[in-house]
C-alpha atoms as a PDB file:
ATOM      1  CA  MET A   1       8.937 -12.569   4.385  1.00  0.00           C
ATOM      2  CA  ILE A   2       9.725 -11.797   0.768  1.00  0.00           C
ATOM      3  CA  PHE A   3       8.380  -8.560  -0.734  1.00  0.00           C
ATOM      4  CA  VAL A   4       8.369  -7.952  -4.472  1.00  0.00           C
ATOM      5  CA  LEU A   5       6.853  -4.786  -5.908  1.00  0.00           C
ATOM      6  CA  PRO A   6       5.575  -5.450  -9.444  1.00  0.00           C
ATOM      7  CA  GLY A   7       7.623  -3.706 -12.093  1.00  0.00           C
ATOM      8  CA  GLN A   8      10.736  -3.446  -9.929  1.00  0.00           C
ATOM      9  CA  ASN A   9      13.785  -5.665  -9.860  1.00  0.00           C
ATOM     10  CA  ASP A  10      14.697  -5.433  -6.190  1.00  0.00           C
ATOM     11  CA  ILE A  11      13.384  -8.060  -3.787  1.00  0.00           C
ATOM     12  CA  LEU A  12      13.201  -7.398  -0.060  1.00  0.00           C
ATOM     13  CA  GLU A  13      13.862 -10.471   2.058  1.00  0.00           C
ATOM     14  CA  GLY A  14      13.123 -10.428   5.765  1.00  0.00           C
ATOM     15  CA  ARG A  15      11.578  -7.953   8.156  1.00  0.00           C
ATOM     16  CA  ALA A  16      14.723  -5.859   8.579  1.00  0.00           C
ATOM     17  CA  ALA A  17      14.944  -5.146   4.839  1.00  0.00           C
ATOM     18  CA  PHE A  18      11.231  -4.306   4.659  1.00  0.00           C
ATOM     19  CA  ARG A  19      11.412  -1.984   7.674  1.00  0.00           C
ATOM     20  CA  ALA A  20      14.477  -0.242   6.200  1.00  0.00           C
ATOM     21  CA  ALA A  21      12.509   0.360   2.986  1.00  0.00           C
ATOM     22  CA  LEU A  22       9.606   1.790   5.001  1.00  0.00           C
ATOM     23  CA  ASP A  23      11.997   4.157   6.777  1.00  0.00           C
ATOM     24  CA  GLY A  24      12.707   5.777   3.403  1.00  0.00           C
ATOM     25  CA  ILE A  25       9.159   5.711   2.058  1.00  0.00           C
ATOM     26  CA  GLY A  26       8.809   9.467   2.383  1.00  0.00           C
ATOM     27  CA  GLN A  27      11.309   9.865  -0.441  1.00  0.00           C
ATOM     28  CA  ALA A  28       9.162   7.665  -2.704  1.00  0.00           C
ATOM     29  CA  LEU A  29       5.908   9.519  -2.044  1.00  0.00           C
ATOM     30  CA  PRO A  30       4.924  12.418  -4.299  1.00  0.00           C
ATOM     31  CA  PRO A  31       5.543  15.993  -3.082  1.00  0.00           C
ATOM     32  CA  GLY A  32       2.766  17.270  -0.826  1.00  0.00           C
ATOM     33  CA  PHE A  33       1.443  13.756  -0.099  1.00  0.00           C
ATOM     34  CA  ASP A  34      -1.211  13.982   2.621  1.00  0.00           C
ATOM     35  CA  ILE A  35      -3.489  11.165   3.804  1.00  0.00           C
ATOM     36  CA  LYS A  36      -7.051  12.468   4.181  1.00  0.00           C
ATOM     37  CA  ASP A  37      -8.832   9.253   5.182  1.00  0.00           C
ATOM     38  CA  LEU A  38      -7.872   5.683   5.992  1.00  0.00           C
ATOM     39  CA  ARG A  39     -10.425   2.912   6.385  1.00  0.00           C
ATOM     40  CA  TYR A  40     -10.712  -0.813   5.920  1.00  0.00           C
ATOM     41  CA  CYS A  41     -13.229  -3.399   4.792  1.00  0.00           C
ATOM     42  CA  GLN A  42     -12.910  -6.829   6.326  1.00  0.00           C
ATOM     43  CA  GLY A  43     -14.004 -10.041   4.635  1.00  0.00           C
ATOM     44  CA  GLU A  44     -13.463 -13.713   5.228  1.00  0.00           C
ATOM     45  CA  ASN A  45      -9.675 -14.257   5.307  1.00  0.00           C
ATOM     46  CA  GLU A  46      -9.030 -10.852   3.723  1.00  0.00           C
ATOM     47  CA  ILE A  47      -8.930  -7.168   4.477  1.00  0.00           C
ATOM     48  CA  THR A  48      -8.831  -4.183   2.136  1.00  0.00           C
ATOM     49  CA  ASN A  49      -7.301  -0.902   3.283  1.00  0.00           C
ATOM     50  CA  ILE A  50      -8.523   2.193   1.462  1.00  0.00           C
ATOM     51  CA  VAL A  51      -6.415   5.348   1.545  1.00  0.00           C
ATOM     52  CA  GLU A  52      -7.706   8.703   0.301  1.00  0.00           C
ATOM     53  CA  PHE A  53      -4.948  11.231  -0.268  1.00  0.00           C
ATOM     54  CA  THR A  54      -3.947  14.472  -1.914  1.00  0.00           C
ATOM     55  CA  ALA A  55      -0.611  15.545  -3.376  1.00  0.00           C
ATOM     56  CA  ASP A  56       0.728  18.660  -5.081  1.00  0.00           C
ATOM     57  CA  LYS A  57      -0.090  17.197  -8.520  1.00  0.00           C
ATOM     58  CA  LEU A  58      -3.438  15.771  -7.308  1.00  0.00           C
ATOM     59  CA  PRO A  59      -4.962  18.630  -5.306  1.00  0.00           C
ATOM     60  CA  ASN A  60      -8.476  17.177  -5.733  1.00  0.00           C
ATOM     61  CA  GLY A  61      -7.300  13.892  -4.300  1.00  0.00           C
ATOM     62  CA  SER A  62      -7.089  10.260  -5.260  1.00  0.00           C
ATOM     63  CA  GLN A  63      -7.443   6.818  -3.694  1.00  0.00           C
ATOM     64  CA  CYS A  64      -5.570   3.588  -3.438  1.00  0.00           C
ATOM     65  CA  ALA A  65      -6.688   0.266  -2.021  1.00  0.00           C
ATOM     66  CA  VAL A  66      -4.530  -2.566  -0.758  1.00  0.00           C
ATOM     67  CA  LEU A  67      -5.992  -6.061  -0.518  1.00  0.00           C
ATOM     68  CA  PHE A  68      -4.413  -8.571   1.859  1.00  0.00           C
ATOM     69  CA  LYS A  69      -5.493 -12.228   1.752  1.00  0.00           C
ATOM     70  CA  PHE A  70      -4.608 -14.530   4.625  1.00  0.00           C
ATOM     71  CA  GLY A  71      -3.939 -18.263   4.737  1.00  0.00           C
ATOM     72  CA  ASN A  72      -5.210 -20.655   7.412  1.00  0.00           C
ATOM     73  CA  ASP A  73      -2.141 -19.773   9.503  1.00  0.00           C
ATOM     74  CA  ASP A  74      -3.123 -16.032   9.449  1.00  0.00           C
ATOM     75  CA  LEU A  75      -0.061 -15.166   7.357  1.00  0.00           C
ATOM     76  CA  ILE A  76      -0.452 -12.967   4.288  1.00  0.00           C
ATOM     77  CA  ILE A  77      -0.524 -15.122   1.167  1.00  0.00           C
ATOM     78  CA  GLU A  78      -1.453 -12.426  -1.345  1.00  0.00           C
ATOM     79  CA  GLU A  79      -1.265  -8.644  -1.576  1.00  0.00           C
ATOM     80  CA  ARG A  80      -2.701  -6.510  -4.365  1.00  0.00           C
ATOM     81  CA  TRP A  81      -2.517  -2.744  -4.843  1.00  0.00           C
ATOM     82  CA  PHE A  82      -5.080  -0.721  -6.761  1.00  0.00           C
ATOM     83  CA  VAL A  83      -4.434   2.965  -7.484  1.00  0.00           C
ATOM     84  CA  CYS A  84      -7.003   5.363  -8.877  1.00  0.00           C
ATOM     85  CA  HIS A  85      -5.695   8.453 -10.657  1.00  0.00           C
ATOM     86  CA  GLY A  86      -7.936  11.328  -9.622  1.00  0.00           C
ATOM     87  CA  ARG A  87     -11.191  11.202  -7.716  1.00  0.00           C
ATOM     88  CA  PRO A  88     -13.254   8.076  -8.424  1.00  0.00           C
END
């Protein structure tokens, strides 16, 4: 697995590196981050996760969606993040 976050220079290679990054994700989240709802929409060879959350600077909440597309071997071939600033 190779994980590249758009706009950043670091590239995570392998599961161990990705898991280590997830271990520190709390430091990357905004102060007061709280997930209010988590749901998903499944399509053919894809799934979209929708996260509703609040944070100290977004007390009225916001959303983000993450789209995962899968190849014929069920491995992720594409991932896209969509973030909405404020309530949609």
